[in-house]
Amino acid sequence: VNYCVCCYHGTEMLQPDNTTLLSQFVADNGTVLPKRLTKLCSKHQRAVASTIKQARALNFMPFHSKLHPKLRFTSVTPEAASESTDAQRKSAAYGGSRDGSDSTPGDRA
């Protein structure tokens, strides 16, 4: 293919939760492939790179490796992902245990 796929097909599918599409632009070691290999124009190469960074920040894609093929289809919405990470942060901040009995800082003796 010698043309920009995003210019031809559009960028509607370029979303952080579309890990199937984004994983095509990531190398095995987790780096974003350069423009000469992806055959994207400059505008869409920057858009793909920023979308990959958003997907990594939302925990849809790993930072240091390519996403496993079985995990490329996600059904998690960004809202649900942010809610779960907020709950995990609160649990970790208050010293939550694995058995589900979270304690608050005032409960410690």
PDB file of N, CA and C in Angstrom:
ATOM      1  N   VAL A   1       0.848  -1.163   0.000  1.00  0.00           N
ATOM      2  CA  VAL A   1       0.000   0.000   0.000  1.00  0.00           C
ATOM      3  C   VAL A   1       0.896   1.227   0.000  1.00  0.00           C
ATOM      4  N   ASN A   2       0.709   2.105  -0.957  1.00  0.00           N
ATOM      5  CA  ASN A   2       1.537   3.295  -1.070  1.00  0.00           C
ATOM      6  C   ASN A   2       0.757   4.572  -0.814  1.00  0.00           C
ATOM      7  N   TYR A   3      -0.317   4.487  -0.053  1.00  0.00           N
ATOM      8  CA  TYR A   3      -1.115   5.663   0.261  1.00  0.00           C
ATOM      9  C   TYR A   3      -1.445   5.638   1.744  1.00  0.00           C
ATOM     10  N   CYS A   4      -1.843   6.782   2.255  1.00  0.00           N
ATOM     11  CA  CYS A   4      -2.224   6.889   3.659  1.00  0.00           C
ATOM     12  C   CYS A   4      -3.598   6.234   3.853  1.00  0.00           C
ATOM     13  N   VAL A   5      -3.644   5.226   4.680  1.00  0.00           N
ATOM     14  CA  VAL A   5      -4.884   4.479   4.914  1.00  0.00           C
ATOM     15  C   VAL A   5      -5.927   5.371   5.579  1.00  0.00           C
ATOM     16  N   CYS A   6      -5.468   6.256   6.472  1.00  0.00           N
ATOM     17  CA  CYS A   6      -6.411   7.140   7.174  1.00  0.00           C
ATOM     18  C   CYS A   6      -7.003   8.187   6.240  1.00  0.00           C
ATOM     19  N   CYS A   7      -6.220   8.677   5.270  1.00  0.00           N
ATOM     20  CA  CYS A   7      -6.759   9.635   4.298  1.00  0.00           C
ATOM     21  C   CYS A   7      -7.811   8.965   3.421  1.00  0.00           C
ATOM     22  N   TYR A   8      -7.610   7.699   3.108  1.00  0.00           N
ATOM     23  CA  TYR A   8      -8.509   6.989   2.214  1.00  0.00           C
ATOM     24  C   TYR A   8      -9.786   6.541   2.930  1.00  0.00           C
ATOM     25  N   HIS A   9      -9.631   5.951   4.129  1.00  0.00           N
ATOM     26  CA  HIS A   9     -10.775   5.370   4.837  1.00  0.00           C
ATOM     27  C   HIS A   9     -11.369   6.281   5.899  1.00  0.00           C
ATOM     28  N   GLY A  10     -10.670   7.318   6.306  1.00  0.00           N
ATOM     29  CA  GLY A  10     -11.156   8.200   7.356  1.00  0.00           C
ATOM     30  C   GLY A  10     -10.589   7.813   8.711  1.00  0.00           C
ATOM     31  N   THR A  11     -10.804   8.677   9.681  1.00  0.00           N
ATOM     32  CA  THR A  11     -10.237   8.457  11.017  1.00  0.00           C
ATOM     33  C   THR A  11     -11.312   8.204  12.068  1.00  0.00           C
ATOM     34  N   GLU A  12     -12.506   7.789  11.665  1.00  0.00           N
ATOM     35  CA  GLU A  12     -13.559   7.523  12.633  1.00  0.00           C
ATOM     36  C   GLU A  12     -13.205   6.349  13.546  1.00  0.00           C
ATOM     37  N   MET A  13     -12.474   5.398  13.026  1.00  0.00           N
ATOM     38  CA  MET A  13     -12.110   4.218  13.813  1.00  0.00           C
ATOM     39  C   MET A  13     -10.882   4.446  14.690  1.00  0.00           C
ATOM     40  N   LEU A  14     -10.289   5.608  14.623  1.00  0.00           N
ATOM     41  CA  LEU A  14      -9.083   5.916  15.377  1.00  0.00           C
ATOM     42  C   LEU A  14      -9.471   6.347  16.787  1.00  0.00           C
ATOM     43  N   GLN A  15      -9.790   5.365  17.632  1.00  0.00           N
ATOM     44  CA  GLN A  15     -10.213   5.589  19.009  1.00  0.00           C
ATOM     45  C   GLN A  15      -9.288   4.823  19.942  1.00  0.00           C
ATOM     46  N   PRO A  16      -9.082   5.303  21.183  1.00  0.00           N
ATOM     47  CA  PRO A  16      -8.183   4.602  22.107  1.00  0.00           C
ATOM     48  C   PRO A  16      -8.613   3.180  22.447  1.00  0.00           C
ATOM     49  N   ASP A  17      -9.916   2.880  22.390  1.00  0.00           N
ATOM     50  CA  ASP A  17     -10.363   1.532  22.728  1.00  0.00           C
ATOM     51  C   ASP A  17     -10.336   0.576  21.538  1.00  0.00           C
ATOM     52  N   ASN A  18      -9.966   1.048  20.362  1.00  0.00           N
ATOM     53  CA  ASN A  18      -9.851   0.188  19.180  1.00  0.00           C
ATOM     54  C   ASN A  18      -8.423  -0.361  19.118  1.00  0.00           C
ATOM     55  N   THR A  19      -8.141  -1.317  19.991  1.00  0.00           N
ATOM     56  CA  THR A  19      -6.774  -1.828  20.105  1.00  0.00           C
ATOM     57  C   THR A  19      -6.381  -2.699  18.920  1.00  0.00           C
ATOM     58  N   THR A  20      -7.349  -3.239  18.204  1.00  0.00           N
ATOM     59  CA  THR A  20      -7.030  -4.040  17.023  1.00  0.00           C
ATOM     60  C   THR A  20      -6.351  -3.178  15.972  1.00  0.00           C
ATOM     61  N   LEU A  21      -6.888  -2.016  15.723  1.00  0.00           N
ATOM     62  CA  LEU A  21      -6.303  -1.110  14.747  1.00  0.00           C
ATOM     63  C   LEU A  21      -4.986  -0.520  15.246  1.00  0.00           C
ATOM     64  N   LEU A  22      -4.953  -0.091  16.496  1.00  0.00           N
ATOM     65  CA  LEU A  22      -3.757   0.561  17.024  1.00  0.00           C
ATOM     66  C   LEU A  22      -2.572  -0.386  17.135  1.00  0.00           C
ATOM     67  N   SER A  23      -2.824  -1.667  17.382  1.00  0.00           N
ATOM     68  CA  SER A  23      -1.720  -2.612  17.517  1.00  0.00           C
ATOM     69  C   SER A  23      -1.000  -2.844  16.191  1.00  0.00           C
ATOM     70  N   GLN A  24      -1.617  -2.481  15.063  1.00  0.00           N
ATOM     71  CA  GLN A  24      -0.944  -2.593  13.768  1.00  0.00           C
ATOM     72  C   GLN A  24       0.143  -1.542  13.610  1.00  0.00           C
ATOM     73  N   PHE A  25       0.086  -0.479  14.405  1.00  0.00           N
ATOM     74  CA  PHE A  25       1.055   0.602  14.318  1.00  0.00           C
ATOM     75  C   PHE A  25       2.080   0.559  15.443  1.00  0.00           C
ATOM     76  N   VAL A  26       2.143  -0.564  16.179  1.00  0.00           N
ATOM     77  CA  VAL A  26       3.072  -0.719  17.297  1.00  0.00           C
ATOM     78  C   VAL A  26       4.008  -1.880  16.999  1.00  0.00           C
ATOM     79  N   ALA A  27       5.311  -1.681  17.275  1.00  0.00           N
ATOM     80  CA  ALA A  27       6.302  -2.737  17.078  1.00  0.00           C
ATOM     81  C   ALA A  27       6.205  -3.752  18.223  1.00  0.00           C
ATOM     82  N   ASP A  28       6.936  -4.862  18.104  1.00  0.00           N
ATOM     83  CA  ASP A  28       6.900  -5.911  19.121  1.00  0.00           C
ATOM     84  C   ASP A  28       7.409  -5.429  20.473  1.00  0.00           C
ATOM     85  N   ASN A  29       8.326  -4.468  20.463  1.00  0.00           N
ATOM     86  CA  ASN A  29       8.856  -3.971  21.734  1.00  0.00           C
ATOM     87  C   ASN A  29       8.012  -2.846  22.319  1.00  0.00           C
ATOM     88  N   GLY A  30       6.913  -2.465  21.683  1.00  0.00           N
ATOM     89  CA  GLY A  30       5.989  -1.481  22.215  1.00  0.00           C
ATOM     90  C   GLY A  30       6.153  -0.082  21.659  1.00  0.00           C
ATOM     91  N   THR A  31       7.133   0.151  20.805  1.00  0.00           N
ATOM     92  CA  THR A  31       7.320   1.489  20.249  1.00  0.00           C
ATOM     93  C   THR A  31       6.388   1.710  19.064  1.00  0.00           C
ATOM     94  N   VAL A  32       6.064   2.967  18.830  1.00  0.00           N
ATOM     95  CA  VAL A  32       5.224   3.319  17.683  1.00  0.00           C
ATOM     96  C   VAL A  32       6.079   3.212  16.428  1.00  0.00           C
ATOM     97  N   LEU A  33       5.557   2.535  15.417  1.00  0.00           N
ATOM     98  CA  LEU A  33       6.307   2.365  14.172  1.00  0.00           C
ATOM     99  C   LEU A  33       6.487   3.700  13.466  1.00  0.00           C
ATOM    100  N   PRO A  34       7.617   3.900  12.773  1.00  0.00           N
ATOM    101  CA  PRO A  34       7.840   5.170  12.078  1.00  0.00           C
ATOM    102  C   PRO A  34       6.950   5.304  10.841  1.00  0.00           C
ATOM    103  N   LYS A  35       6.893   6.533  10.355  1.00  0.00           N
ATOM    104  CA  LYS A  35       6.024   6.867   9.230  1.00  0.00           C
ATOM    105  C   LYS A  35       6.405   6.123   7.963  1.00  0.00           C
ATOM    106  N   ARG A  36       7.681   5.848   7.785  1.00  0.00           N
ATOM    107  CA  ARG A  36       8.110   5.156   6.565  1.00  0.00           C
ATOM    108  C   ARG A  36       7.634   3.709   6.530  1.00  0.00           C
ATOM    109  N   LEU A  37       7.361   3.125   7.692  1.00  0.00           N
ATOM    110  CA  LEU A  37       6.841   1.754   7.731  1.00  0.00           C
ATOM    111  C   LEU A  37       5.313   1.707   7.737  1.00  0.00           C
ATOM    112  N   THR A  38       4.671   2.681   8.367  1.00  0.00           N
ATOM    113  CA  THR A  38       3.217   2.669   8.420  1.00  0.00           C
ATOM    114  C   THR A  38       2.577   3.234   7.165  1.00  0.00           C
ATOM    115  N   LYS A  39       3.348   3.988   6.372  1.00  0.00           N
ATOM    116  CA  LYS A  39       2.868   4.607   5.125  1.00  0.00           C
ATOM    117  C   LYS A  39       1.744   5.615   5.367  1.00  0.00           C
ATOM    118  N   LEU A  40       1.741   6.241   6.554  1.00  0.00           N
ATOM    119  CA  LEU A  40       0.759   7.271   6.853  1.00  0.00           C
ATOM    120  C   LEU A  40       1.333   8.639   6.519  1.00  0.00           C
ATOM    121  N   CYS A  41       0.448   9.605   6.273  1.00  0.00           N
ATOM    122  CA  CYS A  41       0.919  10.974   6.080  1.00  0.00           C
ATOM    123  C   CYS A  41       1.288  11.547   7.455  1.00  0.00           C
ATOM    124  N   SER A  42       1.947  12.685   7.456  1.00  0.00           N
ATOM    125  CA  SER A  42       2.425  13.277   8.704  1.00  0.00           C
ATOM    126  C   SER A  42       1.285  13.579   9.668  1.00  0.00           C
ATOM    127  N   LYS A  43       0.204  14.106   9.140  1.00  0.00           N
ATOM    128  CA  LYS A  43      -0.947  14.468   9.964  1.00  0.00           C
ATOM    129  C   LYS A  43      -1.522  13.255  10.684  1.00  0.00           C
ATOM    130  N   HIS A  44      -1.707  12.164   9.965  1.00  0.00           N
ATOM    131  CA  HIS A  44      -2.308  10.977  10.569  1.00  0.00           C
ATOM    132  C   HIS A  44      -1.305  10.173  11.388  1.00  0.00           C
ATOM    133  N   GLN A  45      -0.015  10.263  11.088  1.00  0.00           N
ATOM    134  CA  GLN A  45       0.991   9.608  11.921  1.00  0.00           C
ATOM    135  C   GLN A  45       0.988  10.234  13.322  1.00  0.00           C
ATOM    136  N   ARG A  46       0.874  11.553  13.387  1.00  0.00           N
ATOM    137  CA  ARG A  46       0.799  12.226  14.688  1.00  0.00           C
ATOM    138  C   ARG A  46      -0.489  11.857  15.415  1.00  0.00           C
ATOM    139  N   ALA A  47      -1.594  11.740  14.671  1.00  0.00           N
ATOM    140  CA  ALA A  47      -2.872  11.357  15.284  1.00  0.00           C
ATOM    141  C   ALA A  47      -2.824   9.933  15.832  1.00  0.00           C
ATOM    142  N   VAL A  48      -2.213   9.023  15.077  1.00  0.00           N
ATOM    143  CA  VAL A  48      -2.084   7.629  15.532  1.00  0.00           C
ATOM    144  C   VAL A  48      -1.202   7.565  16.771  1.00  0.00           C
ATOM    145  N   ALA A  49      -0.096   8.291  16.767  1.00  0.00           N
ATOM    146  CA  ALA A  49       0.815   8.275  17.915  1.00  0.00           C
ATOM    147  C   ALA A  49       0.135   8.820  19.171  1.00  0.00           C
ATOM    148  N   SER A  50      -0.613   9.899  19.037  1.00  0.00           N
ATOM    149  CA  SER A  50      -1.289  10.448  20.212  1.00  0.00           C
ATOM    150  C   SER A  50      -2.418   9.529  20.682  1.00  0.00           C
ATOM    151  N   THR A  51      -3.105   8.847  19.763  1.00  0.00           N
ATOM    152  CA  THR A  51      -4.157   7.907  20.152  1.00  0.00           C
ATOM    153  C   THR A  51      -3.565   6.695  20.867  1.00  0.00           C
ATOM    154  N   ILE A  52      -2.413   6.237  20.422  1.00  0.00           N
ATOM    155  CA  ILE A  52      -1.728   5.130  21.113  1.00  0.00           C
ATOM    156  C   ILE A  52      -1.339   5.558  22.519  1.00  0.00           C
ATOM    157  N   LYS A  53      -0.867   6.785  22.674  1.00  0.00           N
ATOM    158  CA  LYS A  53      -0.506   7.292  24.001  1.00  0.00           C
ATOM    159  C   LYS A  53      -1.734   7.386  24.895  1.00  0.00           C
ATOM    160  N   GLN A  54      -2.876   7.785  24.341  1.00  0.00           N
ATOM    161  CA  GLN A  54      -4.112   7.825  25.113  1.00  0.00           C
ATOM    162  C   GLN A  54      -4.533   6.425  25.537  1.00  0.00           C
ATOM    163  N   ALA A  55      -4.407   5.461  24.616  1.00  0.00           N
ATOM    164  CA  ALA A  55      -4.784   4.077  24.934  1.00  0.00           C
ATOM    165  C   ALA A  55      -3.890   3.509  26.031  1.00  0.00           C
ATOM    166  N   ARG A  56      -2.622   3.869  26.024  1.00  0.00           N
ATOM    167  CA  ARG A  56      -1.715   3.422  27.081  1.00  0.00           C
ATOM    168  C   ARG A  56      -2.089   4.050  28.412  1.00  0.00           C
ATOM    169  N   ALA A  57      -2.436   5.323  28.406  1.00  0.00           N
ATOM    170  CA  ALA A  57      -2.811   6.005  29.646  1.00  0.00           C
ATOM    171  C   ALA A  57      -4.113   5.445  30.223  1.00  0.00           C
ATOM    172  N   LEU A  58      -5.010   4.978  29.362  1.00  0.00           N
ATOM    173  CA  LEU A  58      -6.278   4.384  29.803  1.00  0.00           C
ATOM    174  C   LEU A  58      -6.151   2.886  30.082  1.00  0.00           C
ATOM    175  N   ASN A  59      -4.942   2.339  30.001  1.00  0.00           N
ATOM    176  CA  ASN A  59      -4.655   0.921  30.252  1.00  0.00           C
ATOM    177  C   ASN A  59      -5.321  -0.011  29.249  1.00  0.00           C
ATOM    178  N   PHE A  60      -5.558   0.457  28.036  1.00  0.00           N
ATOM    179  CA  PHE A  60      -6.038  -0.423  26.982  1.00  0.00           C
ATOM    180  C   PHE A  60      -4.878  -1.145  26.310  1.00  0.00           C
ATOM    181  N   MET A  61      -3.688  -0.537  26.337  1.00  0.00           N
ATOM    182  CA  MET A  61      -2.504  -1.109  25.699  1.00  0.00           C
ATOM    183  C   MET A  61      -1.336  -1.033  26.678  1.00  0.00           C
ATOM    184  N   PRO A  62      -0.419  -2.003  26.613  1.00  0.00           N
ATOM    185  CA  PRO A  62       0.757  -1.949  27.485  1.00  0.00           C
ATOM    186  C   PRO A  62       1.783  -0.941  26.969  1.00  0.00           C
ATOM    187  N   PHE A  63       2.671  -0.501  27.863  1.00  0.00           N
ATOM    188  CA  PHE A  63       3.684   0.468  27.489  1.00  0.00           C
ATOM    189  C   PHE A  63       4.903  -0.177  26.838  1.00  0.00           C
ATOM    190  N   HIS A  64       5.309  -1.360  27.299  1.00  0.00           N
ATOM    191  CA  HIS A  64       6.603  -1.907  26.909  1.00  0.00           C
ATOM    192  C   HIS A  64       6.549  -3.110  25.994  1.00  0.00           C
ATOM    193  N   SER A  65       5.395  -3.556  25.610  1.00  0.00           N
ATOM    194  CA  SER A  65       5.309  -4.703  24.712  1.00  0.00           C
ATOM    195  C   SER A  65       4.064  -4.570  23.846  1.00  0.00           C
ATOM    196  N   LYS A  66       4.011  -5.383  22.822  1.00  0.00           N
ATOM    197  CA  LYS A  66       2.840  -5.374  21.948  1.00  0.00           C
ATOM    198  C   LYS A  66       1.702  -6.110  22.635  1.00  0.00           C
ATOM    199  N   LEU A  67       0.503  -5.675  22.373  1.00  0.00           N
ATOM    200  CA  LEU A  67      -0.670  -6.281  22.984  1.00  0.00           C
ATOM    201  C   LEU A  67      -0.842  -7.710  22.484  1.00  0.00           C
ATOM    202  N   HIS A  68      -1.113  -8.633  23.396  1.00  0.00           N
ATOM    203  CA  HIS A  68      -1.296 -10.036  23.051  1.00  0.00           C
ATOM    204  C   HIS A  68      -2.495 -10.169  22.107  1.00  0.00           C
ATOM    205  N   PRO A  69      -2.399 -11.038  21.085  1.00  0.00           N
ATOM    206  CA  PRO A  69      -3.495 -11.145  20.099  1.00  0.00           C
ATOM    207  C   PRO A  69      -4.853 -11.476  20.709  1.00  0.00           C
ATOM    208  N   LYS A  70      -4.900 -12.239  21.800  1.00  0.00           N
ATOM    209  CA  LYS A  70      -6.179 -12.589  22.402  1.00  0.00           C
ATOM    210  C   LYS A  70      -6.806 -11.401  23.138  1.00  0.00           C
ATOM    211  N   LEU A  71      -6.009 -10.392  23.470  1.00  0.00           N
ATOM    212  CA  LEU A  71      -6.512  -9.247  24.215  1.00  0.00           C
ATOM    213  C   LEU A  71      -6.793  -8.040  23.333  1.00  0.00           C
ATOM    214  N   ARG A  72      -6.696  -8.185  22.033  1.00  0.00           N
ATOM    215  CA  ARG A  72      -6.842  -7.038  21.144  1.00  0.00           C
ATOM    216  C   ARG A  72      -8.281  -6.578  20.988  1.00  0.00           C
ATOM    217  N   PHE A  73      -9.237  -7.417  21.280  1.00  0.00           N
ATOM    218  CA  PHE A  73     -10.632  -7.014  21.184  1.00  0.00           C
ATOM    219  C   PHE A  73     -11.100  -6.642  22.577  1.00  0.00           C
ATOM    220  N   THR A  74     -11.342  -5.368  22.806  1.00  0.00           N
ATOM    221  CA  THR A  74     -11.754  -4.926  24.126  1.00  0.00           C
ATOM    222  C   THR A  74     -13.217  -4.539  24.098  1.00  0.00           C
ATOM    223  N   SER A  75     -13.905  -4.824  25.174  1.00  0.00           N
ATOM    224  CA  SER A  75     -15.290  -4.417  25.309  1.00  0.00           C
ATOM    225  C   SER A  75     -15.444  -3.414  26.434  1.00  0.00           C
ATOM    226  N   VAL A  76     -14.326  -2.912  26.946  1.00  0.00           N
ATOM    227  CA  VAL A  76     -14.337  -1.974  28.056  1.00  0.00           C
ATOM    228  C   VAL A  76     -14.447  -0.562  27.508  1.00  0.00           C
ATOM    229  N   THR A  77     -15.369   0.192  28.044  1.00  0.00           N
ATOM    230  CA  THR A  77     -15.491   1.585  27.641  1.00  0.00           C
ATOM    231  C   THR A  77     -14.534   2.430  28.465  1.00  0.00           C
ATOM    232  N   PRO A  78     -14.105   3.579  27.980  1.00  0.00           N
ATOM    233  CA  PRO A  78     -13.198   4.418  28.759  1.00  0.00           C
ATOM    234  C   PRO A  78     -13.786   4.841  30.107  1.00  0.00           C
ATOM    235  N   GLU A  79     -15.111   5.007  30.196  1.00  0.00           N
ATOM    236  CA  GLU A  79     -15.725   5.399  31.455  1.00  0.00           C
ATOM    237  C   GLU A  79     -15.559   4.286  32.498  1.00  0.00           C
ATOM    238  N   ALA A  80     -15.785   3.041  32.094  1.00  0.00           N
ATOM    239  CA  ALA A  80     -15.648   1.930  33.023  1.00  0.00           C
ATOM    240  C   ALA A  80     -14.198   1.743  33.446  1.00  0.00           C
ATOM    241  N   ALA A  81     -13.272   1.969  32.546  1.00  0.00           N
ATOM    242  CA  ALA A  81     -11.857   1.835  32.883  1.00  0.00           C
ATOM    243  C   ALA A  81     -11.431   2.894  33.877  1.00  0.00           C
ATOM    244  N   SER A  82     -11.907   4.113  33.732  1.00  0.00           N
ATOM    245  CA  SER A  82     -11.519   5.172  34.660  1.00  0.00           C
ATOM    246  C   SER A  82     -12.146   4.947  36.030  1.00  0.00           C
ATOM    247  N   GLU A  83     -13.365   4.395  36.082  1.00  0.00           N
ATOM    248  CA  GLU A  83     -13.998   4.112  37.367  1.00  0.00           C
ATOM    249  C   GLU A  83     -13.234   3.037  38.123  1.00  0.00           C
ATOM    250  N   SER A  84     -12.793   1.997  37.431  1.00  0.00           N
ATOM    251  CA  SER A  84     -12.084   0.923  38.115  1.00  0.00           C
ATOM    252  C   SER A  84     -10.724   1.392  38.605  1.00  0.00           C
ATOM    253  N   THR A  85     -10.043   2.222  37.837  1.00  0.00           N
ATOM    254  CA  THR A  85      -8.743   2.696  38.280  1.00  0.00           C
ATOM    255  C   THR A  85      -8.889   3.646  39.460  1.00  0.00           C
ATOM    256  N   ASP A  86      -9.976   4.440  39.506  1.00  0.00           N
ATOM    257  CA  ASP A  86     -10.209   5.306  40.655  1.00  0.00           C
ATOM    258  C   ASP A  86     -10.434   4.473  41.912  1.00  0.00           C
ATOM    259  N   ALA A  87     -11.197   3.402  41.785  1.00  0.00           N
ATOM    260  CA  ALA A  87     -11.449   2.532  42.932  1.00  0.00           C
ATOM    261  C   ALA A  87     -10.158   1.858  43.395  1.00  0.00           C
ATOM    262  N   GLN A  88      -9.325   1.447  42.449  1.00  0.00           N
ATOM    263  CA  GLN A  88      -8.064   0.815  42.812  1.00  0.00           C
ATOM    264  C   GLN A  88      -7.141   1.805  43.502  1.00  0.00           C
ATOM    265  N   ARG A  89      -7.112   3.058  43.017  1.00  0.00           N
ATOM    266  CA  ARG A  89      -6.264   4.071  43.641  1.00  0.00           C
ATOM    267  C   ARG A  89      -6.711   4.350  45.067  1.00  0.00           C
ATOM    268  N   LYS A  90      -8.030   4.458  45.277  1.00  0.00           N
ATOM    269  CA  LYS A  90      -8.535   4.708  46.620  1.00  0.00           C
ATOM    270  C   LYS A  90      -8.212   3.544  47.544  1.00  0.00           C
ATOM    271  N   SER A  91      -8.358   2.336  47.037  1.00  0.00           N
ATOM    272  CA  SER A  91      -8.067   1.162  47.845  1.00  0.00           C
ATOM    273  C   SER A  91      -6.591   1.115  48.218  1.00  0.00           C
ATOM    274  N   ALA A  92      -5.717   1.423  47.252  1.00  0.00           N
ATOM    275  CA  ALA A  92      -4.286   1.406  47.527  1.00  0.00           C
ATOM    276  C   ALA A  92      -3.889   2.535  48.466  1.00  0.00           C
ATOM    277  N   ALA A  93      -4.543   3.681  48.352  1.00  0.00           N
ATOM    278  CA  ALA A  93      -4.210   4.821  49.197  1.00  0.00           C
ATOM    279  C   ALA A  93      -4.569   4.556  50.652  1.00  0.00           C
ATOM    280  N   TYR A  94      -5.642   3.795  50.885  1.00  0.00           N
ATOM    281  CA  TYR A  94      -6.072   3.495  52.238  1.00  0.00           C
ATOM    282  C   TYR A  94      -5.572   2.145  52.735  1.00  0.00           C
ATOM    283  N   GLY A  95      -4.666   1.546  52.027  1.00  0.00           N
ATOM    284  CA  GLY A  95      -4.094   0.277  52.466  1.00  0.00           C
ATOM    285  C   GLY A  95      -5.067  -0.869  52.388  1.00  0.00           C
ATOM    286  N   GLY A  96      -5.846  -0.936  51.336  1.00  0.00           N
ATOM    287  CA  GLY A  96      -6.832  -1.994  51.181  1.00  0.00           C
ATOM    288  C   GLY A  96      -6.172  -3.357  51.056  1.00  0.00           C
ATOM    289  N   SER A  97      -6.840  -4.370  51.574  1.00  0.00           N
ATOM    290  CA  SER A  97      -6.297  -5.718  51.497  1.00  0.00           C
ATOM    291  C   SER A  97      -6.963  -6.474  50.363  1.00  0.00           C
ATOM    292  N   ARG A  98      -6.436  -7.650  50.054  1.00  0.00           N
ATOM    293  CA  ARG A  98      -6.942  -8.436  48.938  1.00  0.00           C
ATOM    294  C   ARG A  98      -8.273  -9.113  49.253  1.00  0.00           C
ATOM    295  N   ASP A  99      -8.585  -9.273  50.529  1.00  0.00           N
ATOM    296  CA  ASP A  99      -9.811  -9.981  50.870  1.00  0.00           C
ATOM    297  C   ASP A  99     -11.046  -9.091  50.816  1.00  0.00           C
ATOM    298  N   GLY A 100     -10.878  -7.816  50.441  1.00  0.00           N
ATOM    299  CA  GLY A 100     -12.020  -6.941  50.264  1.00  0.00           C
ATOM    300  C   GLY A 100     -12.362  -6.118  51.479  1.00  0.00           C
ATOM    301  N   SER A 101     -11.710  -6.383  52.625  1.00  0.00           N
ATOM    302  CA  SER A 101     -11.988  -5.597  53.819  1.00  0.00           C
ATOM    303  C   SER A 101     -11.039  -4.417  53.848  1.00  0.00           C
ATOM    304  N   ASP A 102     -11.489  -3.313  53.268  1.00  0.00           N
ATOM    305  CA  ASP A 102     -10.673  -2.103  53.214  1.00  0.00           C
ATOM    306  C   ASP A 102     -10.747  -1.386  54.550  1.00  0.00           C
ATOM    307  N   SER A 103      -9.646  -0.800  54.945  1.00  0.00           N
ATOM    308  CA  SER A 103      -9.620  -0.034  56.160  1.00  0.00           C
ATOM    309  C   SER A 103      -9.281   1.412  55.837  1.00  0.00           C
ATOM    310  N   THR A 104      -9.768   2.298  56.650  1.00  0.00           N
ATOM    311  CA  THR A 104      -9.481   3.705  56.464  1.00  0.00           C
ATOM    312  C   THR A 104      -8.285   4.069  57.326  1.00  0.00           C
ATOM    313  N   PRO A 105      -7.621   5.215  57.081  1.00  0.00           N
ATOM    314  CA  PRO A 105      -6.457   5.571  57.874  1.00  0.00           C
ATOM    315  C   PRO A 105      -6.758   5.726  59.352  1.00  0.00           C
ATOM    316  N   GLY A 106      -7.981   6.090  59.733  1.00  0.00           N
ATOM    317  CA  GLY A 106      -8.336   6.258  61.140  1.00  0.00           C
ATOM    318  C   GLY A 106      -8.529   4.931  61.863  1.00  0.00           C
ATOM    319  N   ASP A 107      -8.701   3.820  61.136  1.00  0.00           N
ATOM    320  CA  ASP A 107      -8.943   2.516  61.743  1.00  0.00           C
ATOM    321  C   ASP A 107      -7.680   1.835  62.223  1.00  0.00           C
ATOM    322  N   ARG A 108      -6.541   2.305  61.800  1.00  0.00           N
ATOM    323  CA  ARG A 108      -5.285   1.633  62.157  1.00  0.00           C
ATOM    324  C   ARG A 108      -4.945   1.898  63.609  1.00  0.00           C
ATOM    325  N   ALA A 109      -4.448   0.877  64.283  1.00  0.00           N
ATOM    326  CA  ALA A 109      -4.121   1.025  65.703  1.00  0.00           C
ATOM    327  C   ALA A 109      -2.640   1.217  65.922  1.00  0.00           C
TER     328      ALA A 109
END
